PDB file of N, CA and C in Angstrom:
ATOM      1  N   MET A   1     -81.227  -5.641  15.871  1.00  0.00           N
ATOM      2  CA  MET A   1     -80.746  -5.200  17.145  1.00  0.00           C
ATOM      3  C   MET A   1     -79.785  -4.052  16.944  1.00  0.00           C
ATOM      4  N   GLY A   2     -79.733  -3.166  17.904  1.00  0.00           N
ATOM      5  CA  GLY A   2     -78.903  -1.992  17.773  1.00  0.00           C
ATOM      6  C   GLY A   2     -78.107  -1.690  19.025  1.00  0.00           C
ATOM      7  N   ASN A   3     -77.335  -0.625  18.932  1.00  0.00           N
ATOM      8  CA  ASN A   3     -76.444  -0.145  19.987  1.00  0.00           C
ATOM      9  C   ASN A   3     -75.306  -1.131  20.260  1.00  0.00           C
ATOM     10  N   LEU A   4     -74.850  -1.774  19.187  1.00  0.00           N
ATOM     11  CA  LEU A   4     -73.732  -2.711  19.317  1.00  0.00           C
ATOM     12  C   LEU A   4     -72.408  -1.972  19.422  1.00  0.00           C
ATOM     13  N   PRO A   5     -71.489  -2.501  20.224  1.00  0.00           N
ATOM     14  CA  PRO A   5     -70.122  -1.972  20.176  1.00  0.00           C
ATOM     15  C   PRO A   5     -69.553  -2.242  18.777  1.00  0.00           C
ATOM     16  N   PHE A   6     -68.752  -1.331  18.263  1.00  0.00           N
ATOM     17  CA  PHE A   6     -68.224  -1.479  16.909  1.00  0.00           C
ATOM     18  C   PHE A   6     -67.254  -2.647  16.784  1.00  0.00           C
ATOM     19  N   THR A   7     -66.782  -3.179  17.906  1.00  0.00           N
ATOM     20  CA  THR A   7     -65.833  -4.293  17.886  1.00  0.00           C
ATOM     21  C   THR A   7     -66.504  -5.664  17.940  1.00  0.00           C
ATOM     22  N   THR A   8     -67.824  -5.687  18.083  1.00  0.00           N
ATOM     23  CA  THR A   8     -68.554  -6.954  18.173  1.00  0.00           C
ATOM     24  C   THR A   8     -68.435  -7.753  16.878  1.00  0.00           C
ATOM     25  N   THR A   9     -68.258  -9.060  17.015  1.00  0.00           N
ATOM     26  CA  THR A   9     -68.192  -9.931  15.838  1.00  0.00           C
ATOM     27  C   THR A   9     -69.474 -10.746  15.729  1.00  0.00           C
ATOM     28  N   GLU A  10     -69.675 -11.338  14.563  1.00  0.00           N
ATOM     29  CA  GLU A  10     -70.843 -12.198  14.371  1.00  0.00           C
ATOM     30  C   GLU A  10     -70.779 -13.409  15.293  1.00  0.00           C
ATOM     31  N   ASN A  11     -69.587 -13.920  15.554  1.00  0.00           N
ATOM     32  CA  ASN A  11     -69.445 -15.043  16.488  1.00  0.00           C
ATOM     33  C   ASN A  11     -69.845 -14.643  17.905  1.00  0.00           C
ATOM     34  N   ASP A  12     -69.511 -13.410  18.308  1.00  0.00           N
ATOM     35  CA  ASP A  12     -69.921 -12.919  19.630  1.00  0.00           C
ATOM     36  C   ASP A  12     -71.444 -12.959  19.760  1.00  0.00           C
ATOM     37  N   LEU A  13     -72.127 -12.470  18.719  1.00  0.00           N
ATOM     38  CA  LEU A  13     -73.594 -12.445  18.762  1.00  0.00           C
ATOM     39  C   LEU A  13     -74.171 -13.852  18.709  1.00  0.00           C
ATOM     40  N   GLN A  14     -73.593 -14.702  17.884  1.00  0.00           N
ATOM     41  CA  GLN A  14     -74.044 -16.098  17.784  1.00  0.00           C
ATOM     42  C   GLN A  14     -74.002 -16.754  19.163  1.00  0.00           C
ATOM     43  N   ASP A  15     -72.875 -16.613  19.844  1.00  0.00           N
ATOM     44  CA  ASP A  15     -72.714 -17.230  21.164  1.00  0.00           C
ATOM     45  C   ASP A  15     -73.675 -16.627  22.188  1.00  0.00           C
ATOM     46  N   HIS A  16     -73.827 -15.313  22.158  1.00  0.00           N
ATOM     47  CA  HIS A  16     -74.692 -14.630  23.132  1.00  0.00           C
ATOM     48  C   HIS A  16     -76.156 -15.018  22.936  1.00  0.00           C
ATOM     49  N   PHE A  17     -76.632 -14.973  21.711  1.00  0.00           N
ATOM     50  CA  PHE A  17     -78.049 -15.256  21.441  1.00  0.00           C
ATOM     51  C   PHE A  17     -78.390 -16.738  21.537  1.00  0.00           C
ATOM     52  N   ALA A  18     -77.403 -17.597  21.471  1.00  0.00           N
ATOM     53  CA  ALA A  18     -77.647 -19.034  21.626  1.00  0.00           C
ATOM     54  C   ALA A  18     -78.196 -19.352  23.018  1.00  0.00           C
ATOM     55  N   GLN A  19     -77.999 -18.437  23.970  1.00  0.00           N
ATOM     56  CA  GLN A  19     -78.576 -18.624  25.308  1.00  0.00           C
ATOM     57  C   GLN A  19     -80.102 -18.624  25.268  1.00  0.00           C
ATOM     58  N   ALA A  20     -80.676 -17.988  24.240  1.00  0.00           N
ATOM     59  CA  ALA A  20     -82.137 -17.889  24.124  1.00  0.00           C
ATOM     60  C   ALA A  20     -82.725 -18.987  23.240  1.00  0.00           C
ATOM     61  N   GLY A  21     -81.881 -19.656  22.455  1.00  0.00           N
ATOM     62  CA  GLY A  21     -82.376 -20.703  21.569  1.00  0.00           C
ATOM     63  C   GLY A  21     -81.483 -20.840  20.346  1.00  0.00           C
ATOM     64  N   ALA A  22     -81.979 -21.577  19.372  1.00  0.00           N
ATOM     65  CA  ALA A  22     -81.199 -21.845  18.169  1.00  0.00           C
ATOM     66  C   ALA A  22     -81.109 -20.598  17.287  1.00  0.00           C
ATOM     67  N   VAL A  23     -79.877 -20.231  16.920  1.00  0.00           N
ATOM     68  CA  VAL A  23     -79.631 -19.075  16.062  1.00  0.00           C
ATOM     69  C   VAL A  23     -79.496 -19.565  14.625  1.00  0.00           C
ATOM     70  N   ALA A  24     -80.330 -19.028  13.729  1.00  0.00           N
ATOM     71  CA  ALA A  24     -80.301 -19.439  12.325  1.00  0.00           C
ATOM     72  C   ALA A  24     -79.304 -18.617  11.511  1.00  0.00           C
ATOM     73  N   GLY A  25     -78.996 -17.394  11.950  1.00  0.00           N
ATOM     74  CA  GLY A  25     -78.047 -16.559  11.210  1.00  0.00           C
ATOM     75  C   GLY A  25     -77.791 -15.242  11.896  1.00  0.00           C
ATOM     76  N   VAL A  26     -76.630 -14.676  11.618  1.00  0.00           N
ATOM     77  CA  VAL A  26     -76.233 -13.382  12.175  1.00  0.00           C
ATOM     78  C   VAL A  26     -75.612 -12.562  11.050  1.00  0.00           C
ATOM     79  N   ASN A  27     -76.006 -11.292  10.974  1.00  0.00           N
ATOM     80  CA  ASN A  27     -75.456 -10.409   9.948  1.00  0.00           C
ATOM     81  C   ASN A  27     -75.258  -9.015  10.540  1.00  0.00           C
ATOM     82  N   ILE A  28     -74.000  -8.637  10.755  1.00  0.00           N
ATOM     83  CA  ILE A  28     -73.681  -7.292  11.250  1.00  0.00           C
ATOM     84  C   ILE A  28     -73.606  -6.363  10.049  1.00  0.00           C
ATOM     85  N   MET A  29     -74.329  -5.252  10.104  1.00  0.00           N
ATOM     86  CA  MET A  29     -74.330  -4.282   9.016  1.00  0.00           C
ATOM     87  C   MET A  29     -73.042  -3.466   9.054  1.00  0.00           C
ATOM     88  N   GLN A  30     -72.431  -3.314   7.876  1.00  0.00           N
ATOM     89  CA  GLN A  30     -71.172  -2.594   7.782  1.00  0.00           C
ATOM     90  C   GLN A  30     -71.295  -1.425   6.814  1.00  0.00           C
ATOM     91  N   ASP A  31     -70.523  -0.380   7.090  1.00  0.00           N
ATOM     92  CA  ASP A  31     -70.463   0.777   6.211  1.00  0.00           C
ATOM     93  C   ASP A  31     -69.777   0.366   4.916  1.00  0.00           C
ATOM     94  N   ARG A  32     -70.365   0.699   3.783  1.00  0.00           N
ATOM     95  CA  ARG A  32     -69.798   0.307   2.485  1.00  0.00           C
ATOM     96  C   ARG A  32     -68.421   0.906   2.242  1.00  0.00           C
ATOM     97  N   ALA A  33     -68.247   2.147   2.634  1.00  0.00           N
ATOM     98  CA  ALA A  33     -66.994   2.845   2.347  1.00  0.00           C
ATOM     99  C   ALA A  33     -65.847   2.378   3.241  1.00  0.00           C
ATOM    100  N   THR A  34     -66.124   2.164   4.526  1.00  0.00           N
ATOM    101  CA  THR A  34     -65.044   1.866   5.469  1.00  0.00           C
ATOM    102  C   THR A  34     -64.972   0.396   5.867  1.00  0.00           C
ATOM    103  N   GLY A  35     -66.074  -0.348   5.691  1.00  0.00           N
ATOM    104  CA  GLY A  35     -66.108  -1.736   6.138  1.00  0.00           C
ATOM    105  C   GLY A  35     -66.290  -1.860   7.640  1.00  0.00           C
ATOM    106  N   ARG A  36     -66.443  -0.728   8.317  1.00  0.00           N
ATOM    107  CA  ARG A  36     -66.619  -0.709   9.773  1.00  0.00           C
ATOM    108  C   ARG A  36     -68.079  -0.997  10.140  1.00  0.00           C
ATOM    109  N   SER A  37     -68.280  -1.614  11.278  1.00  0.00           N
ATOM    110  CA  SER A  37     -69.625  -1.891  11.764  1.00  0.00           C
ATOM    111  C   SER A  37     -70.430  -0.604  11.866  1.00  0.00           C
ATOM    112  N   ARG A  38     -71.719  -0.693  11.543  1.00  0.00           N
ATOM    113  CA  ARG A  38     -72.602   0.470  11.672  1.00  0.00           C
ATOM    114  C   ARG A  38     -73.310   0.468  13.023  1.00  0.00           C
ATOM    115  N   GLY A  39     -73.025  -0.533  13.859  1.00  0.00           N
ATOM    116  CA  GLY A  39     -73.580  -0.561  15.210  1.00  0.00           C
ATOM    117  C   GLY A  39     -74.917  -1.268  15.327  1.00  0.00           C
ATOM    118  N   PHE A  40     -75.329  -1.960  14.256  1.00  0.00           N
ATOM    119  CA  PHE A  40     -76.548  -2.767  14.372  1.00  0.00           C
ATOM    120  C   PHE A  40     -76.404  -4.033  13.548  1.00  0.00           C
ATOM    121  N   ALA A  41     -77.261  -5.003  13.879  1.00  0.00           N
ATOM    122  CA  ALA A  41     -77.166  -6.305  13.223  1.00  0.00           C
ATOM    123  C   ALA A  41     -78.538  -6.956  13.171  1.00  0.00           C
ATOM    124  N   PHE A  42     -78.621  -7.997  12.369  1.00  0.00           N
ATOM    125  CA  PHE A  42     -79.811  -8.842  12.330  1.00  0.00           C
ATOM    126  C   PHE A  42     -79.409 -10.210  12.849  1.00  0.00           C
ATOM    127  N   VAL A  43     -80.133 -10.679  13.847  1.00  0.00           N
ATOM    128  CA  VAL A  43     -79.929 -12.026  14.368  1.00  0.00           C
ATOM    129  C   VAL A  43     -81.217 -12.780  14.099  1.00  0.00           C
ATOM    130  N   GLU A  44     -81.119 -13.814  13.296  1.00  0.00           N
ATOM    131  CA  GLU A  44     -82.301 -14.610  12.956  1.00  0.00           C
ATOM    132  C   GLU A  44     -82.335 -15.845  13.849  1.00  0.00           C
ATOM    133  N   MET A  45     -83.424 -15.957  14.581  1.00  0.00           N
ATOM    134  CA  MET A  45     -83.602 -17.115  15.456  1.00  0.00           C
ATOM    135  C   MET A  45     -84.366 -18.194  14.691  1.00  0.00           C
ATOM    136  N   ALA A  46     -84.189 -19.456  15.114  1.00  0.00           N
ATOM    137  CA  ALA A  46     -84.771 -20.589  14.401  1.00  0.00           C
ATOM    138  C   ALA A  46     -86.297 -20.643  14.512  1.00  0.00           C
ATOM    139  N   SER A  47     -86.857 -20.051  15.567  1.00  0.00           N
ATOM    140  CA  SER A  47     -88.317 -20.069  15.723  1.00  0.00           C
ATOM    141  C   SER A  47     -88.801 -18.754  16.308  1.00  0.00           C
ATOM    142  N   GLN A  48     -90.080 -18.504  16.143  1.00  0.00           N
ATOM    143  CA  GLN A  48     -90.668 -17.295  16.722  1.00  0.00           C
ATOM    144  C   GLN A  48     -90.556 -17.325  18.236  1.00  0.00           C
ATOM    145  N   GLU A  49     -90.703 -18.502  18.812  1.00  0.00           N
ATOM    146  CA  GLU A  49     -90.590 -18.650  20.268  1.00  0.00           C
ATOM    147  C   GLU A  49     -89.186 -18.248  20.743  1.00  0.00           C
ATOM    148  N   ASP A  50     -88.156 -18.700  20.031  1.00  0.00           N
ATOM    149  CA  ASP A  50     -86.782 -18.332  20.395  1.00  0.00           C
ATOM    150  C   ASP A  50     -86.554 -16.832  20.214  1.00  0.00           C
ATOM    151  N   ALA A  51     -87.138 -16.250  19.167  1.00  0.00           N
ATOM    152  CA  ALA A  51     -86.991 -14.814  18.927  1.00  0.00           C
ATOM    153  C   ALA A  51     -87.630 -14.012  20.058  1.00  0.00           C
ATOM    154  N   THR A  52     -88.819 -14.402  20.454  1.00  0.00           N
ATOM    155  CA  THR A  52     -89.516 -13.714  21.547  1.00  0.00           C
ATOM    156  C   THR A  52     -88.714 -13.822  22.841  1.00  0.00           C
ATOM    157  N   LYS A  53     -88.143 -15.004  23.081  1.00  0.00           N
ATOM    158  CA  LYS A  53     -87.328 -15.214  24.278  1.00  0.00           C
ATOM    159  C   LYS A  53     -86.086 -14.335  24.241  1.00  0.00           C
ATOM    160  N   ALA A  54     -85.440 -14.228  23.077  1.00  0.00           N
ATOM    161  CA  ALA A  54     -84.237 -13.402  22.948  1.00  0.00           C
ATOM    162  C   ALA A  54     -84.546 -11.933  23.212  1.00  0.00           C
ATOM    163  N   ILE A  55     -85.675 -11.467  22.690  1.00  0.00           N
ATOM    164  CA  ILE A  55     -86.063 -10.068  22.919  1.00  0.00           C
ATOM    165  C   ILE A  55     -86.233  -9.814  24.411  1.00  0.00           C
ATOM    166  N   SER A  56     -86.953 -10.713  25.085  1.00  0.00           N
ATOM    167  CA  SER A  56     -87.197 -10.493  26.519  1.00  0.00           C
ATOM    168  C   SER A  56     -85.919 -10.648  27.348  1.00  0.00           C
ATOM    169  N   MET A  57     -85.008 -11.516  26.915  1.00  0.00           N
ATOM    170  CA  MET A  57     -83.763 -11.740  27.667  1.00  0.00           C
ATOM    171  C   MET A  57     -82.743 -10.614  27.479  1.00  0.00           C
ATOM    172  N   PHE A  58     -82.671 -10.038  26.275  1.00  0.00           N
ATOM    173  CA  PHE A  58     -81.546  -9.176  25.955  1.00  0.00           C
ATOM    174  C   PHE A  58     -81.859  -7.703  25.729  1.00  0.00           C
ATOM    175  N   HIS A  59     -83.119  -7.340  25.500  1.00  0.00           N
ATOM    176  CA  HIS A  59     -83.438  -5.931  25.249  1.00  0.00           C
ATOM    177  C   HIS A  59     -83.132  -5.096  26.488  1.00  0.00           C
ATOM    178  N   GLY A  60     -82.303  -4.074  26.302  1.00  0.00           N
ATOM    179  CA  GLY A  60     -81.939  -3.177  27.393  1.00  0.00           C
ATOM    180  C   GLY A  60     -80.854  -3.720  28.312  1.00  0.00           C
ATOM    181  N   LYS A  61     -80.396  -4.924  28.042  1.00  0.00           N
ATOM    182  CA  LYS A  61     -79.375  -5.542  28.894  1.00  0.00           C
ATOM    183  C   LYS A  61     -77.973  -5.249  28.355  1.00  0.00           C
ATOM    184  N   ASP A  62     -76.998  -5.273  29.259  1.00  0.00           N
ATOM    185  CA  ASP A  62     -75.609  -4.989  28.910  1.00  0.00           C
ATOM    186  C   ASP A  62     -75.007  -6.099  28.052  1.00  0.00           C
ATOM    187  N   PHE A  63     -74.310  -5.681  27.000  1.00  0.00           N
ATOM    188  CA  PHE A  63     -73.535  -6.593  26.158  1.00  0.00           C
ATOM    189  C   PHE A  63     -72.261  -5.857  25.770  1.00  0.00           C
ATOM    190  N   GLN A  64     -71.139  -6.336  26.236  1.00  0.00           N
ATOM    191  CA  GLN A  64     -69.840  -5.722  25.963  1.00  0.00           C
ATOM    192  C   GLN A  64     -69.831  -4.231  26.295  1.00  0.00           C
ATOM    193  N   GLY A  65     -70.491  -3.883  27.412  1.00  0.00           N
ATOM    194  CA  GLY A  65     -70.456  -2.506  27.894  1.00  0.00           C
ATOM    195  C   GLY A  65     -71.536  -1.583  27.350  1.00  0.00           C
ATOM    196  N   ARG A  66     -72.466  -2.112  26.563  1.00  0.00           N
ATOM    197  CA  ARG A  66     -73.544  -1.267  26.016  1.00  0.00           C
ATOM    198  C   ARG A  66     -74.890  -1.954  26.219  1.00  0.00           C
ATOM    199  N   ALA A  67     -75.922  -1.140  26.429  1.00  0.00           N
ATOM    200  CA  ALA A  67     -77.285  -1.675  26.577  1.00  0.00           C
ATOM    201  C   ALA A  67     -77.855  -1.935  25.189  1.00  0.00           C
ATOM    202  N   LEU A  68     -78.146  -3.191  24.878  1.00  0.00           N
ATOM    203  CA  LEU A  68     -78.645  -3.563  23.557  1.00  0.00           C
ATOM    204  C   LEU A  68     -80.074  -3.110  23.330  1.00  0.00           C
ATOM    205  N   THR A  69     -80.375  -2.809  22.094  1.00  0.00           N
ATOM    206  CA  THR A  69     -81.748  -2.598  21.652  1.00  0.00           C
ATOM    207  C   THR A  69     -82.097  -3.834  20.831  1.00  0.00           C
ATOM    208  N   VAL A  70     -83.015  -4.624  21.334  1.00  0.00           N
ATOM    209  CA  VAL A  70     -83.371  -5.871  20.649  1.00  0.00           C
ATOM    210  C   VAL A  70     -84.866  -5.843  20.393  1.00  0.00           C
ATOM    211  N   ASN A  71     -85.242  -5.929  19.110  1.00  0.00           N
ATOM    212  CA  ASN A  71     -86.651  -5.971  18.750  1.00  0.00           C
ATOM    213  C   ASN A  71     -86.818  -6.744  17.446  1.00  0.00           C
ATOM    214  N   GLU A  72     -88.061  -6.992  17.096  1.00  0.00           N
ATOM    215  CA  GLU A  72     -88.341  -7.720  15.865  1.00  0.00           C
ATOM    216  C   GLU A  72     -88.110  -6.791  14.676  1.00  0.00           C
ATOM    217  N   ALA A  73     -87.470  -7.329  13.650  1.00  0.00           N
ATOM    218  CA  ALA A  73     -87.190  -6.528  12.453  1.00  0.00           C
ATOM    219  C   ALA A  73     -88.487  -6.139  11.768  1.00  0.00           C
ATOM    220  N   ARG A  74     -88.512  -4.903  11.273  1.00  0.00           N
ATOM    221  CA  ARG A  74     -89.658  -4.409  10.529  1.00  0.00           C
ATOM    222  C   ARG A  74     -89.252  -4.254   9.077  1.00  0.00           C
ATOM    223  N   PRO A  75     -90.211  -4.291   8.161  1.00  0.00           N
ATOM    224  CA  PRO A  75     -89.854  -4.065   6.750  1.00  0.00           C
ATOM    225  C   PRO A  75     -89.231  -2.686   6.582  1.00  0.00           C
ATOM    226  N   ARG A  76     -88.313  -2.590   5.667  1.00  0.00           N
ATOM    227  CA  ARG A  76     -87.641  -1.329   5.399  1.00  0.00           C
ATOM    228  C   ARG A  76     -88.640  -0.320   4.862  1.00  0.00           C
ATOM    229  N   GLU A  77     -88.572   0.900   5.399  1.00  0.00           N
ATOM    230  CA  GLU A  77     -89.484   1.949   4.947  1.00  0.00           C
ATOM    231  C   GLU A  77     -89.029   2.482   3.601  1.00  0.00           C
ATOM    232  N   GLU A  78     -89.995   2.789   2.749  1.00  0.00           N
ATOM    233  CA  GLU A  78     -89.680   3.383   1.449  1.00  0.00           C
ATOM    234  C   GLU A  78     -89.183   4.799   1.668  1.00  0.00           C
ATOM    235  N   ARG A  79     -88.104   5.143   1.008  1.00  0.00           N
ATOM    236  CA  ARG A  79     -87.578   6.503   1.087  1.00  0.00           C
ATOM    237  C   ARG A  79     -87.879   7.195  -0.232  1.00  0.00           C
ATOM    238  N   PRO A  80     -88.160   8.497  -0.182  1.00  0.00           N
ATOM    239  CA  PRO A  80     -88.413   9.210  -1.433  1.00  0.00           C
ATOM    240  C   PRO A  80     -87.160   9.220  -2.298  1.00  0.00           C
ATOM    241  N   GLN A  81     -87.362   9.133  -3.596  1.00  0.00           N
ATOM    242  CA  GLN A  81     -86.242   9.167  -4.531  1.00  0.00           C
ATOM    243  C   GLN A  81     -85.620  10.555  -4.492  1.00  0.00           C
ATOM    244  N   MET A  82     -84.308  10.609  -4.474  1.00  0.00           N
ATOM    245  CA  MET A  82     -83.605  11.889  -4.437  1.00  0.00           C
ATOM    246  C   MET A  82     -82.737  12.004  -5.687  1.00  0.00           C
ATOM    247  N   GLY A  83     -82.673  13.197  -6.235  1.00  0.00           N
ATOM    248  CA  GLY A  83     -81.767  13.464  -7.342  1.00  0.00           C
ATOM    249  C   GLY A  83     -82.096  12.655  -8.576  1.00  0.00           C
ATOM    250  N   GLY A  84     -81.167  12.617  -9.491  1.00  0.00           N
ATOM    251  CA  GLY A  84     -81.355  11.872 -10.722  1.00  0.00           C
ATOM    252  C   GLY A  84     -82.477  12.469 -11.546  1.00  0.00           C
ATOM    253  N   GLY A  85     -82.888  11.809 -12.573  1.00  0.00           N
ATOM    254  CA  GLY A  85     -83.997  12.290 -13.390  1.00  0.00           C
ATOM    255  C   GLY A  85     -83.610  13.493 -14.214  1.00  0.00           C
ATOM    256  N   SER A  86     -84.620  14.164 -14.754  1.00  0.00           N
ATOM    257  CA  SER A  86     -84.352  15.252 -15.688  1.00  0.00           C
ATOM    258  C   SER A  86     -83.918  16.526 -14.986  1.00  0.00           C
ATOM    259  N   GLY A  87     -84.698  17.032 -14.065  1.00  0.00           N
ATOM    260  CA  GLY A  87     -84.351  18.243 -13.335  1.00  0.00           C
ATOM    261  C   GLY A  87     -84.059  19.410 -14.267  1.00  0.00           C
ATOM    262  N   GLY A  88     -83.506  20.455 -13.715  1.00  0.00           N
ATOM    263  CA  GLY A  88     -83.087  21.578 -14.534  1.00  0.00           C
ATOM    264  C   GLY A  88     -84.226  22.529 -14.889  1.00  0.00           C
ATOM    265  N   TYR A  89     -83.953  23.439 -15.812  1.00  0.00           N
ATOM    266  CA  TYR A  89     -84.887  24.483 -16.220  1.00  0.00           C
ATOM    267  C   TYR A  89     -85.918  23.931 -17.177  1.00  0.00           C
ATOM    268  N   ARG A  90     -87.183  24.231 -16.937  1.00  0.00           N
ATOM    269  CA  ARG A  90     -88.252  23.734 -17.793  1.00  0.00           C
ATOM    270  C   ARG A  90     -88.805  24.811 -18.714  1.00  0.00           C
ATOM    271  N   GLY A  91     -88.319  26.003 -18.600  1.00  0.00           N
ATOM    272  CA  GLY A  91     -88.832  27.080 -19.451  1.00  0.00           C
ATOM    273  C   GLY A  91     -89.952  27.830 -18.771  1.00  0.00           C
ATOM    274  N   ALA A  92     -90.325  28.923 -19.383  1.00  0.00           N
ATOM    275  CA  ALA A  92     -91.372  29.763 -18.813  1.00  0.00           C
ATOM    276  C   ALA A  92     -92.736  29.147 -19.091  1.00  0.00           C
ATOM    277  N   ARG A  93     -93.722  29.613 -18.347  1.00  0.00           N
ATOM    278  CA  ARG A  93     -95.091  29.134 -18.554  1.00  0.00           C
ATOM    279  C   ARG A  93     -95.574  29.577 -19.925  1.00  0.00           C
ATOM    280  N   GLY A  94     -96.504  28.830 -20.452  1.00  0.00           N
ATOM    281  CA  GLY A  94     -97.070  29.170 -21.759  1.00  0.00           C
ATOM    282  C   GLY A  94     -97.522  30.610 -21.818  1.00  0.00           C
ATOM    283  N   GLY A  95     -97.220  31.308 -22.887  1.00  0.00           N
ATOM    284  CA  GLY A  95     -97.629  32.698 -23.039  1.00  0.00           C
ATOM    285  C   GLY A  95     -96.642  33.669 -22.451  1.00  0.00           C
ATOM    286  N   ASP A  96     -95.818  33.250 -21.495  1.00  0.00           N
ATOM    287  CA  ASP A  96     -94.856  34.129 -20.861  1.00  0.00           C
ATOM    288  C   ASP A  96     -93.457  33.960 -21.446  1.00  0.00           C
ATOM    289  N   ASN A  97     -93.324  33.125 -22.441  1.00  0.00           N
ATOM    290  CA  ASN A  97     -92.005  32.838 -22.990  1.00  0.00           C
ATOM    291  C   ASN A  97     -91.526  33.987 -23.866  1.00  0.00           C
ATOM    292  N   PRO A  98     -90.485  34.692 -23.469  1.00  0.00           N
ATOM    293  CA  PRO A  98     -90.019  35.837 -24.256  1.00  0.00           C
ATOM    294  C   PRO A  98     -89.376  35.410 -25.585  1.00  0.00           C
ATOM    295  N   TYR A  99     -89.112  34.127 -25.750  1.00  0.00           N
ATOM    296  CA  TYR A  99     -88.462  33.653 -26.966  1.00  0.00           C
ATOM    297  C   TYR A  99     -89.459  33.080 -27.957  1.00  0.00           C
ATOM    298  N   GLN A 100     -90.746  33.250 -27.680  1.00  0.00           N
ATOM    299  CA  GLN A 100     -91.771  32.760 -28.605  1.00  0.00           C
ATOM    300  C   GLN A 100     -91.686  33.524 -29.917  1.00  0.00           C
ATOM    301  N   ASP A 101     -92.052  32.863 -31.008  1.00  0.00           N
ATOM    302  CA  ASP A 101     -92.097  33.571 -32.298  1.00  0.00           C
ATOM    303  C   ASP A 101     -93.105  34.694 -32.207  1.00  0.00           C
ATOM    304  N   ARG A 102     -92.685  35.844 -32.682  1.00  0.00           N
ATOM    305  CA  ARG A 102     -93.596  36.997 -32.642  1.00  0.00           C
ATOM    306  C   ARG A 102     -94.133  37.242 -34.036  1.00  0.00           C
ATOM    307  N   GLN A 103     -95.331  37.690 -34.127  1.00  0.00           N
ATOM    308  CA  GLN A 103     -95.979  37.941 -35.416  1.00  0.00           C
ATOM    309  C   GLN A 103     -95.936  39.383 -35.769  1.00  0.00           C
TER     310      GLN A 103
END
């Protein structure tokens, strides 16, 4: 779920989502550097039926002054690897190397 107010606590979400059914867990994502909420969380419902009910009850609805985005979690997308590795200069193409031994 997204568009959370930065002041929302896990207990706030637990209580709110309990209206739709049994809540198995709540995890608000936090910035590693600051420890501040990143504005989204995962709320795990005890059953698929409860999850579907929560989506229909809360998606687009006001929660602490903001319209929530509530949907089913998707697997994390693979991101291309950045940086690291060898990098740097690989030299000139074969035959074009001015430092080749000359005969």
